[in-house]
Amino acid sequence: GSFCDTTDQAAALAYSAYAMTFNTTEISQGVYFGSPPSRVYAAFTSAEGWRAWCCEQAEADAHVGGKLHIYTDGYNAYGEFTALEQDRAVAFTWDGDGEPPTLIHVRLEEQDTGTVMTFRVTGVCSEQDWAGLAGTLEGIWGRVLNNLKAVLETGPER
C-alpha cells in the first residue's frame, strides 16, 4: 500500500524578507518479495542490480558518501548513499531530471522465505510543486518496484 503524509514547515529564504511554506512530504510503499533480503539489498547497492530492474546504465559506489547515477531513455538521476545496513536498509539522495531532490529510504525485513520492503520517498518543496509531483512519483516508483519484484521472483525479461 501507499500513502502521502504532509507536514507544513516554515522556511525563510536566505537574504530575503519573504517566508515560504514548504512541505516535507512522504510517499511510502510496502512490497513483499519472494526473495531473501540479500538479493533485494543488492538490487539497490550494485550497478548490476540497478540495471536488472530500473535502468540501462548505472554506477553505484555503495558506501556512505558514495555516488549513485542511473541513466535510462534520456533520463538521468544522481544521488549519494547516506546510510547502508547490510541486507537491512539503504538510504540515498535522489536528484532526477526535472524533479526536486528527494531522499529514498529502503527498509528490508525478512519474512517467511521472502522479504518485506518499505520504500519511502521524502521530499521538501512548496505545496504547489508537491501536489502534482506526489502522484507522478507514486506512479513511476510503483512501476519500477513492480519490475523489481518481477526480476527478483522470475528473472529479467529476455
Protein backbone atom coordinates (compact mmCIF):
# COMPACT_ATOMS: atom_id res chain seq x y z
CA GLY A 1 0.00 0.00 0.00
CA SER A 2 0.98 3.63 -0.22
CA PHE A 3 0.13 6.92 1.39
CA CYS A 4 1.12 10.58 1.40
CA ASP A 5 1.72 12.43 4.64
CA THR A 6 2.31 16.18 4.50
CA THR A 7 3.75 18.30 7.29
CA ASP A 8 3.97 22.08 6.86
CA GLN A 9 7.25 23.69 7.81
CA ALA A 10 8.04 27.39 7.60
CA ALA A 11 11.34 28.22 5.98
CA ALA A 12 12.77 31.69 5.39
CA LEU A 13 14.56 32.35 2.13
CA ALA A 14 18.15 33.45 2.64
CA TYR A 15 18.73 37.16 2.16
CA SER A 16 15.01 37.78 1.72
CA ALA A 17 12.26 39.42 3.70
CA TYR A 18 9.84 36.78 2.41
CA ALA A 19 8.95 33.49 4.03
CA MET A 20 7.61 30.50 2.13
CA THR A 21 5.83 27.43 3.41
CA PHE A 22 7.46 24.17 2.41
CA ASN A 23 6.05 20.70 2.79
CA THR A 24 8.02 17.74 3.93
CA THR A 25 6.04 15.05 2.18
CA GLU A 26 6.44 11.32 2.25
CA ILE A 27 5.29 8.62 -0.12
CA SER A 28 5.57 5.13 1.32
CA GLN A 29 5.03 1.76 -0.34
CA GLY A 30 5.27 -1.70 1.14
CA VAL A 31 6.18 -4.62 -1.12
CA TYR A 32 6.65 -8.33 -0.41
CA PHE A 33 9.32 -10.15 -2.44
CA GLY A 34 9.69 -13.92 -2.64
CA SER A 35 13.45 -13.38 -2.42
CA PRO A 36 15.86 -13.09 0.51
CA PRO A 37 16.85 -9.62 1.84
CA SER A 38 20.39 -10.03 0.40
CA ARG A 39 19.02 -10.05 -3.17
CA VAL A 40 16.80 -7.01 -2.59
CA TYR A 41 19.69 -5.17 -0.92
CA ALA A 42 21.98 -5.94 -3.89
CA ALA A 43 19.35 -4.52 -6.26
CA PHE A 44 19.82 -1.09 -4.63
CA THR A 45 23.57 -1.21 -3.93
CA SER A 46 25.17 -2.54 -7.12
CA ALA A 47 25.26 -1.21 -10.67
CA GLU A 48 24.28 -4.68 -11.93
CA GLY A 49 21.34 -4.71 -9.54
CA TRP A 50 20.03 -1.33 -10.74
CA ARG A 51 20.44 -2.29 -14.42
CA ALA A 52 18.46 -5.51 -13.91
CA TRP A 53 15.27 -3.70 -12.86
CA CYS A 54 15.47 0.06 -13.32
CA CYS A 55 17.74 1.46 -16.00
CA GLU A 56 20.02 0.98 -18.99
CA GLN A 57 23.19 2.23 -17.31
CA ALA A 58 24.14 2.60 -13.66
CA GLU A 59 27.03 3.44 -11.38
CA ALA A 60 26.75 2.62 -7.68
CA ASP A 61 29.57 3.12 -5.17
CA ALA A 62 27.82 1.59 -2.16
CA HIS A 63 29.35 3.20 0.91
CA VAL A 64 28.14 6.18 2.91
CA GLY A 65 29.07 9.19 0.78
CA GLY A 66 29.40 7.01 -2.34
CA LYS A 67 27.79 8.20 -5.55
CA LEU A 68 24.84 6.75 -7.44
CA HIS A 69 23.98 7.54 -11.08
CA ILE A 70 21.35 5.93 -13.25
CA TYR A 71 20.52 6.61 -16.88
CA THR A 72 17.67 5.30 -18.99
CA ASP A 73 15.87 6.58 -22.06
CA GLY A 74 17.27 10.14 -21.82
CA TYR A 75 16.62 10.38 -18.04
CA ASN A 76 19.44 10.85 -15.52
CA ALA A 77 19.27 10.64 -11.75
CA TYR A 78 22.14 11.33 -9.40
CA GLY A 79 22.43 10.55 -5.73
CA GLU A 80 24.61 9.78 -2.79
CA PHE A 81 24.30 6.90 -0.35
CA THR A 82 23.53 8.30 3.12
CA ALA A 83 23.05 5.05 5.10
CA LEU A 84 23.76 1.37 4.49
CA GLU A 85 23.00 -1.56 6.77
CA GLN A 86 23.89 -4.86 5.08
CA ASP A 87 20.73 -6.70 3.93
CA ARG A 88 18.53 -4.46 6.16
CA ALA A 89 18.50 -0.84 4.96
CA VAL A 90 19.64 1.55 2.24
CA ALA A 91 19.16 5.32 2.07
CA PHE A 92 20.25 7.67 -0.67
CA THR A 93 19.55 11.09 -2.10
CA TRP A 94 17.83 11.20 -5.50
CA ASP A 95 18.05 14.13 -7.90
CA GLY A 96 16.32 13.17 -11.16
CA ASP A 97 15.93 15.27 -14.29
CA GLY A 98 13.04 17.71 -13.86
CA GLU A 99 12.30 16.64 -10.27
CA PRO A 100 13.03 18.29 -6.95
CA PRO A 101 15.64 16.41 -4.88
CA THR A 102 14.28 13.66 -2.65
CA LEU A 103 15.58 11.21 -0.08
CA ILE A 104 14.87 7.50 -0.56
CA HIS A 105 14.76 5.07 2.40
CA VAL A 106 14.59 1.32 1.82
CA ARG A 107 13.97 -0.89 4.87
CA LEU A 108 14.14 -4.70 4.50
CA GLU A 109 12.68 -7.24 6.88
CA GLU A 110 12.94 -10.99 6.41
CA GLN A 111 9.55 -12.68 6.50
CA ASP A 112 9.00 -16.40 5.92
CA THR A 113 11.06 -17.23 2.81
CA GLY A 114 10.99 -13.67 1.46
CA THR A 115 11.40 -10.01 2.27
CA VAL A 116 9.05 -7.18 3.18
CA MET A 117 10.43 -3.91 1.85
CA THR A 118 9.24 -0.49 3.00
CA PHE A 119 10.16 2.07 0.34
CA ARG A 120 9.87 5.72 1.39
CA VAL A 121 10.38 8.85 -0.71
CA THR A 122 10.68 12.11 1.22
CA GLY A 123 10.74 15.50 -0.48
CA VAL A 124 10.87 19.08 0.67
CA CYS A 125 9.29 21.54 -1.74
CA SER A 126 6.43 24.00 -1.94
CA GLU A 127 2.91 22.62 -1.53
CA GLN A 128 2.10 23.62 -5.10
CA ASP A 129 5.14 21.79 -6.52
CA TRP A 130 4.43 18.67 -4.47
CA ALA A 131 0.73 18.47 -5.42
CA GLY A 132 1.44 17.20 -8.93
CA LEU A 133 4.73 15.54 -8.14
CA ALA A 134 3.45 13.13 -5.47
CA GLY A 135 1.14 11.33 -7.89
CA THR A 136 3.82 11.23 -10.57
CA LEU A 137 6.40 9.78 -8.18
CA GLU A 138 3.94 7.20 -6.84
CA GLY A 139 3.22 6.10 -10.41
CA ILE A 140 6.86 5.95 -11.51
CA TRP A 141 8.21 4.26 -8.39
CA GLY A 142 5.20 1.92 -8.32
CA ARG A 143 6.02 0.72 -11.86
CA VAL A 144 9.74 0.25 -11.25
CA LEU A 145 9.17 -1.50 -7.92
CA ASN A 146 6.75 -3.88 -9.67
CA ASN A 147 9.53 -4.51 -12.18
CA LEU A 148 11.98 -5.17 -9.32
CA LYS A 149 9.53 -7.70 -7.89
CA ALA A 150 9.22 -9.45 -11.26
CA VAL A 151 13.00 -9.53 -11.78
CA LEU A 152 13.70 -10.90 -8.30
CA GLU A 153 10.97 -13.51 -8.44
CA THR A 154 11.09 -14.66 -12.08
CA GLY A 155 14.31 -13.24 -13.55
CA PRO A 156 14.88 -10.41 -16.03
CA GLU A 157 12.98 -10.31 -19.31
CA ARG A 158 14.97 -11.68 -22.21
